[in-house]
Each structure stands twice: as C-alpha cells, then as structure tokens.
Amino acid sequence: MSILDKIAALGLTLPAVPTPVAAYVNCVRSGNLLFLSGGLPLDGDRKVIGKVPVDVSIEEAQEGARIIILNRLAVIQEEIGSLDKVKQIVALNGFVNSAPDFYGHPQVINGASELLVEIFGDKGKHSRTALGAAALPLNVAVEINLIVEVEDG
C-alpha cells in the first residue's frame, strides 16, 4: 500500500502546498536530507489559533499538529514526487504557543508524532523536541519543522 493510500485509509488528504508567510522556502534539500521549515496549523478554513490551554484545548492543539504534518507531507510530495521515497522521518521540532504555567507540550506534539508513525510505521519514528513559546507567528497554537531522509535522486 502506498503512503498516499495509507493517508486515504485514515480518512485524510494532503492539502495544497502552503505558501510561506515570510522570507523563507518550505524545504531545502541537502544530499538525501530534506529540511522543512516550520509549518503552521492552517488549511483552508481550518485554523488553530491561540494559547494552549487558555484559548485552545490540548486536543484542539493536537489536531493542529496533525494539520501541520499533512501540510509538511504535501511539501515533501512536491519536493521529491512521491512520499514512498521517504526513508526516515529523522527529527521533529515542535513549538507550542502556551500559557506560562502549561507543561503539556509533549502531549500536544504527540498529535504529530503519532500521525507520522500511523502513516510511515517504523520510518515515522523520529527524534523530537517539544517546547513552549510565548508567541508564534499569526498567533497559531503550534508550529512544527521536520528533517526527513529520502531515497537517492
């Protein structure tokens, strides 16, 4: 089963590749590594905005993390032509727009990590950072960047 088939079997689809909101590109390739810029939880009308857990629940923030992963996968698909060429999700760095006394950052970022394993199996297992931030671009609840190893060529 292809990766796109696995995504469809989960009832999900890849969105259009998002346009960067500042002076950067979505992805830079160096050798067999893709360095993906931070993605935001924005997909059409779906937006996860505000501080966790004040404005946004942990569950809503986890959904935002999943939206970001689908956005990042759309970037990978555009860059290499097929998600089946992904060898390993190497690293995930997650940032949570959180209230000062919130310590559940790992729970929020689990939304992204668990989806990657659902889609890629062992290839989706990765190293990870989950941090709180005083604010994020556009007041989003979550931002995530990835490092991904891909096949030659």
C-alpha atoms as a PDB file:
ATOM      1  CA  MET A   1       0.000   0.000   0.000  1.00  0.00           C
ATOM      2  CA  SER A   2       1.388   3.386  -0.961  1.00  0.00           C
ATOM      3  CA  ILE A   3       1.797   6.175   1.568  1.00  0.00           C
ATOM      4  CA  LEU A   4      -0.976   8.159  -0.143  1.00  0.00           C
ATOM      5  CA  ASP A   5      -3.230   5.088   0.179  1.00  0.00           C
ATOM      6  CA  LYS A   6      -2.391   4.885   3.898  1.00  0.00           C
ATOM      7  CA  ILE A   7      -3.269   8.558   4.293  1.00  0.00           C
ATOM      8  CA  ALA A   8      -6.582   7.997   2.479  1.00  0.00           C
ATOM      9  CA  ALA A   9      -7.309   4.919   4.616  1.00  0.00           C
ATOM     10  CA  LEU A  10      -7.025   7.188   7.677  1.00  0.00           C
ATOM     11  CA  GLY A  11      -9.710   9.417   6.119  1.00  0.00           C
ATOM     12  CA  LEU A  12      -7.174  12.167   5.436  1.00  0.00           C
ATOM     13  CA  THR A  13      -5.979  14.015   2.344  1.00  0.00           C
ATOM     14  CA  LEU A  14      -2.977  16.154   1.583  1.00  0.00           C
ATOM     15  CA  PRO A  15      -3.765  19.860   1.279  1.00  0.00           C
ATOM     16  CA  ALA A  16      -2.330  22.202  -1.307  1.00  0.00           C
ATOM     17  CA  VAL A  17       1.266  23.148  -0.533  1.00  0.00           C
ATOM     18  CA  PRO A  18       1.116  26.196   1.723  1.00  0.00           C
ATOM     19  CA  THR A  19       2.722  29.449   0.669  1.00  0.00           C
ATOM     20  CA  PRO A  20       5.437  30.639   3.088  1.00  0.00           C
ATOM     21  CA  VAL A  21       4.271  33.574   5.222  1.00  0.00           C
ATOM     22  CA  ALA A  22       7.688  35.297   5.334  1.00  0.00           C
ATOM     23  CA  ALA A  23      11.154  35.325   3.683  1.00  0.00           C
ATOM     24  CA  TYR A  24      11.916  31.591   3.533  1.00  0.00           C
ATOM     25  CA  VAL A  25      11.226  28.495   1.443  1.00  0.00           C
ATOM     26  CA  ASN A  26       9.213  25.456   2.513  1.00  0.00           C
ATOM     27  CA  CYS A  27      12.048  22.999   2.006  1.00  0.00           C
ATOM     28  CA  VAL A  28      15.779  22.806   1.359  1.00  0.00           C
ATOM     29  CA  ARG A  29      17.397  19.578   0.201  1.00  0.00           C
ATOM     30  CA  SER A  30      20.992  18.755   1.120  1.00  0.00           C
ATOM     31  CA  GLY A  31      22.068  15.361  -0.144  1.00  0.00           C
ATOM     32  CA  ASN A  32      19.412  12.896   0.981  1.00  0.00           C
ATOM     33  CA  LEU A  33      18.052  15.135   3.732  1.00  0.00           C
ATOM     34  CA  LEU A  34      15.091  17.471   3.466  1.00  0.00           C
ATOM     35  CA  PHE A  35      14.968  20.337   5.944  1.00  0.00           C
ATOM     36  CA  LEU A  36      11.363  21.503   6.161  1.00  0.00           C
ATOM     37  CA  SER A  37      10.557  24.950   7.507  1.00  0.00           C
ATOM     38  CA  GLY A  38       8.122  25.361  10.358  1.00  0.00           C
ATOM     39  CA  GLY A  39       4.582  24.618   9.305  1.00  0.00           C
ATOM     40  CA  LEU A  40       1.508  26.252  10.775  1.00  0.00           C
ATOM     41  CA  PRO A  41      -1.910  24.704  11.538  1.00  0.00           C
ATOM     42  CA  LEU A  42      -3.686  26.431   8.673  1.00  0.00           C
ATOM     43  CA  ASP A  43      -5.616  24.586   5.989  1.00  0.00           C
ATOM     44  CA  GLY A  44      -8.363  26.485   4.251  1.00  0.00           C
ATOM     45  CA  ASP A  45     -10.985  27.307   6.867  1.00  0.00           C
ATOM     46  CA  ARG A  46      -9.275  25.121   9.493  1.00  0.00           C
ATOM     47  CA  LYS A  47      -7.076  27.272  11.720  1.00  0.00           C
ATOM     48  CA  VAL A  48      -5.863  26.539  15.223  1.00  0.00           C
ATOM     49  CA  ILE A  49      -5.195  29.936  16.783  1.00  0.00           C
ATOM     50  CA  GLY A  50      -4.396  30.969  20.359  1.00  0.00           C
ATOM     51  CA  LYS A  51      -2.644  29.888  23.534  1.00  0.00           C
ATOM     52  CA  VAL A  52      -2.804  26.345  24.885  1.00  0.00           C
ATOM     53  CA  PRO A  53      -4.727  25.601  27.114  1.00  0.00           C
ATOM     54  CA  VAL A  54      -6.322  29.054  27.571  1.00  0.00           C
ATOM     55  CA  ASP A  55      -7.800  29.582  24.074  1.00  0.00           C
ATOM     56  CA  VAL A  56      -7.168  26.136  22.596  1.00  0.00           C
ATOM     57  CA  SER A  57      -7.578  22.761  24.315  1.00  0.00           C
ATOM     58  CA  ILE A  58      -4.831  20.143  24.252  1.00  0.00           C
ATOM     59  CA  GLU A  59      -6.995  18.077  21.883  1.00  0.00           C
ATOM     60  CA  GLU A  60      -7.506  21.026  19.521  1.00  0.00           C
ATOM     61  CA  ALA A  61      -3.769  21.722  19.567  1.00  0.00           C
ATOM     62  CA  GLN A  62      -3.081  18.049  18.777  1.00  0.00           C
ATOM     63  CA  GLU A  63      -5.402  18.388  15.776  1.00  0.00           C
ATOM     64  CA  GLY A  64      -3.417  21.474  14.771  1.00  0.00           C
ATOM     65  CA  ALA A  65      -0.243  19.380  14.940  1.00  0.00           C
ATOM     66  CA  ARG A  66      -1.851  16.811  12.616  1.00  0.00           C
ATOM     67  CA  ILE A  67      -2.855  19.574  10.161  1.00  0.00           C
ATOM     68  CA  ILE A  68       0.782  20.687  10.119  1.00  0.00           C
ATOM     69  CA  ILE A  69       2.025  17.168   9.389  1.00  0.00           C
ATOM     70  CA  LEU A  70      -0.309  16.897   6.398  1.00  0.00           C
ATOM     71  CA  ASN A  71       0.935  20.302   5.205  1.00  0.00           C
ATOM     72  CA  ARG A  72       4.563  19.197   5.596  1.00  0.00           C
ATOM     73  CA  LEU A  73       3.852  15.932   3.766  1.00  0.00           C
ATOM     74  CA  ALA A  74       2.402  17.955   0.877  1.00  0.00           C
ATOM     75  CA  VAL A  75       5.704  19.871   0.757  1.00  0.00           C
ATOM     76  CA  ILE A  76       7.677  16.600   0.701  1.00  0.00           C
ATOM     77  CA  GLN A  77       5.437  15.202  -2.054  1.00  0.00           C
ATOM     78  CA  GLU A  78       6.065  18.318  -4.145  1.00  0.00           C
ATOM     79  CA  GLU A  79       9.819  18.198  -3.500  1.00  0.00           C
ATOM     80  CA  ILE A  80      10.506  14.510  -4.280  1.00  0.00           C
ATOM     81  CA  GLY A  81       7.457  13.442  -6.302  1.00  0.00           C
ATOM     82  CA  SER A  82       6.304  10.602  -4.038  1.00  0.00           C
ATOM     83  CA  LEU A  83       6.004  10.063  -0.297  1.00  0.00           C
ATOM     84  CA  ASP A  84       7.034   6.454  -0.952  1.00  0.00           C
ATOM     85  CA  LYS A  85      10.607   7.775  -1.355  1.00  0.00           C
ATOM     86  CA  VAL A  86      10.758   8.765   2.334  1.00  0.00           C
ATOM     87  CA  LYS A  87      13.365   6.579   4.068  1.00  0.00           C
ATOM     88  CA  GLN A  88      13.019   8.017   7.583  1.00  0.00           C
ATOM     89  CA  ILE A  89      11.464  10.890   9.474  1.00  0.00           C
ATOM     90  CA  VAL A  90      14.681  11.900  11.258  1.00  0.00           C
ATOM     91  CA  ALA A  91      13.673  14.747  13.546  1.00  0.00           C
ATOM     92  CA  LEU A  92      10.630  16.755  14.541  1.00  0.00           C
ATOM     93  CA  ASN A  93      10.799  20.061  16.395  1.00  0.00           C
ATOM     94  CA  GLY A  94       7.525  21.264  17.858  1.00  0.00           C
ATOM     95  CA  PHE A  95       6.676  24.614  19.406  1.00  0.00           C
ATOM     96  CA  VAL A  96       3.512  25.251  21.393  1.00  0.00           C
ATOM     97  CA  ASN A  97       2.076  28.737  21.947  1.00  0.00           C
ATOM     98  CA  SER A  98       1.392  28.166  25.606  1.00  0.00           C
ATOM     99  CA  ALA A  99       0.340  29.831  28.797  1.00  0.00           C
ATOM    100  CA  PRO A 100       3.264  30.352  31.236  1.00  0.00           C
ATOM    101  CA  ASP A 101       2.046  27.616  33.597  1.00  0.00           C
ATOM    102  CA  PHE A 102       1.363  24.986  30.902  1.00  0.00           C
ATOM    103  CA  TYR A 103       3.696  21.975  30.820  1.00  0.00           C
ATOM    104  CA  GLY A 104       1.896  19.625  28.435  1.00  0.00           C
ATOM    105  CA  HIS A 105       3.939  20.462  25.332  1.00  0.00           C
ATOM    106  CA  PRO A 106       4.846  16.791  24.721  1.00  0.00           C
ATOM    107  CA  GLN A 107       1.152  15.839  24.737  1.00  0.00           C
ATOM    108  CA  VAL A 108       0.383  18.435  22.071  1.00  0.00           C
ATOM    109  CA  ILE A 109       3.269  17.381  19.828  1.00  0.00           C
ATOM    110  CA  ASN A 110       2.222  13.732  20.239  1.00  0.00           C
ATOM    111  CA  GLY A 111      -0.541  14.570  17.742  1.00  0.00           C
ATOM    112  CA  ALA A 112       2.151  14.969  15.079  1.00  0.00           C
ATOM    113  CA  SER A 113       4.418  12.140  16.210  1.00  0.00           C
ATOM    114  CA  GLU A 114       1.630   9.584  16.416  1.00  0.00           C
ATOM    115  CA  LEU A 115       0.294  10.510  12.960  1.00  0.00           C
ATOM    116  CA  LEU A 116       3.749  10.088  11.407  1.00  0.00           C
ATOM    117  CA  VAL A 117       4.025   6.581  12.883  1.00  0.00           C
ATOM    118  CA  GLU A 118       0.477   5.744  11.714  1.00  0.00           C
ATOM    119  CA  ILE A 119       1.403   6.770   8.183  1.00  0.00           C
ATOM    120  CA  PHE A 120       5.018   5.579   7.882  1.00  0.00           C
ATOM    121  CA  GLY A 121       5.299   2.824  10.512  1.00  0.00           C
ATOM    122  CA  ASP A 122       8.873   2.464  11.797  1.00  0.00           C
ATOM    123  CA  LYS A 123      10.054   5.003   9.197  1.00  0.00           C
ATOM    124  CA  GLY A 124       7.918   7.552  11.018  1.00  0.00           C
ATOM    125  CA  LYS A 125       9.747   7.163  14.351  1.00  0.00           C
ATOM    126  CA  HIS A 126      11.928  10.210  14.970  1.00  0.00           C
ATOM    127  CA  SER A 127      13.912  12.227  17.460  1.00  0.00           C
ATOM    128  CA  ARG A 128      11.948  15.141  18.852  1.00  0.00           C
ATOM    129  CA  THR A 129      11.885  18.419  20.692  1.00  0.00           C
ATOM    130  CA  ALA A 130       8.670  19.802  22.234  1.00  0.00           C
ATOM    131  CA  LEU A 131       8.938  23.352  23.559  1.00  0.00           C
ATOM    132  CA  GLY A 132       6.669  26.078  24.833  1.00  0.00           C
ATOM    133  CA  ALA A 133       6.784  29.552  23.316  1.00  0.00           C
ATOM    134  CA  ALA A 134       5.445  32.889  24.483  1.00  0.00           C
ATOM    135  CA  ALA A 135       4.056  33.544  20.989  1.00  0.00           C
ATOM    136  CA  LEU A 136       4.138  32.039  17.487  1.00  0.00           C
ATOM    137  CA  PRO A 137       3.592  33.548  14.013  1.00  0.00           C
ATOM    138  CA  LEU A 138      -0.004  34.581  13.285  1.00  0.00           C
ATOM    139  CA  ASN A 139      -0.829  33.579  16.898  1.00  0.00           C
ATOM    140  CA  VAL A 140      -1.063  29.904  15.870  1.00  0.00           C
ATOM    141  CA  ALA A 141      -1.199  27.318  18.639  1.00  0.00           C
ATOM    142  CA  VAL A 142       1.540  25.081  17.203  1.00  0.00           C
ATOM    143  CA  GLU A 143       4.480  25.208  14.781  1.00  0.00           C
ATOM    144  CA  ILE A 144       6.452  22.151  13.620  1.00  0.00           C
ATOM    145  CA  ASN A 145       9.501  21.631  11.436  1.00  0.00           C
ATOM    146  CA  LEU A 146      10.943  18.345  10.180  1.00  0.00           C
ATOM    147  CA  ILE A 147      14.146  16.757   8.937  1.00  0.00           C
ATOM    148  CA  VAL A 148      13.447  13.848   6.577  1.00  0.00           C
ATOM    149  CA  GLU A 149      15.785  11.360   4.888  1.00  0.00           C
ATOM    150  CA  VAL A 150      14.779  10.420   1.340  1.00  0.00           C
ATOM    151  CA  GLU A 151      15.977   7.987  -1.304  1.00  0.00           C
ATOM    152  CA  ASP A 152      18.761   8.947  -3.710  1.00  0.00           C
ATOM    153  CA  GLY A 153      17.861  11.099  -6.668  1.00  0.00           C
END
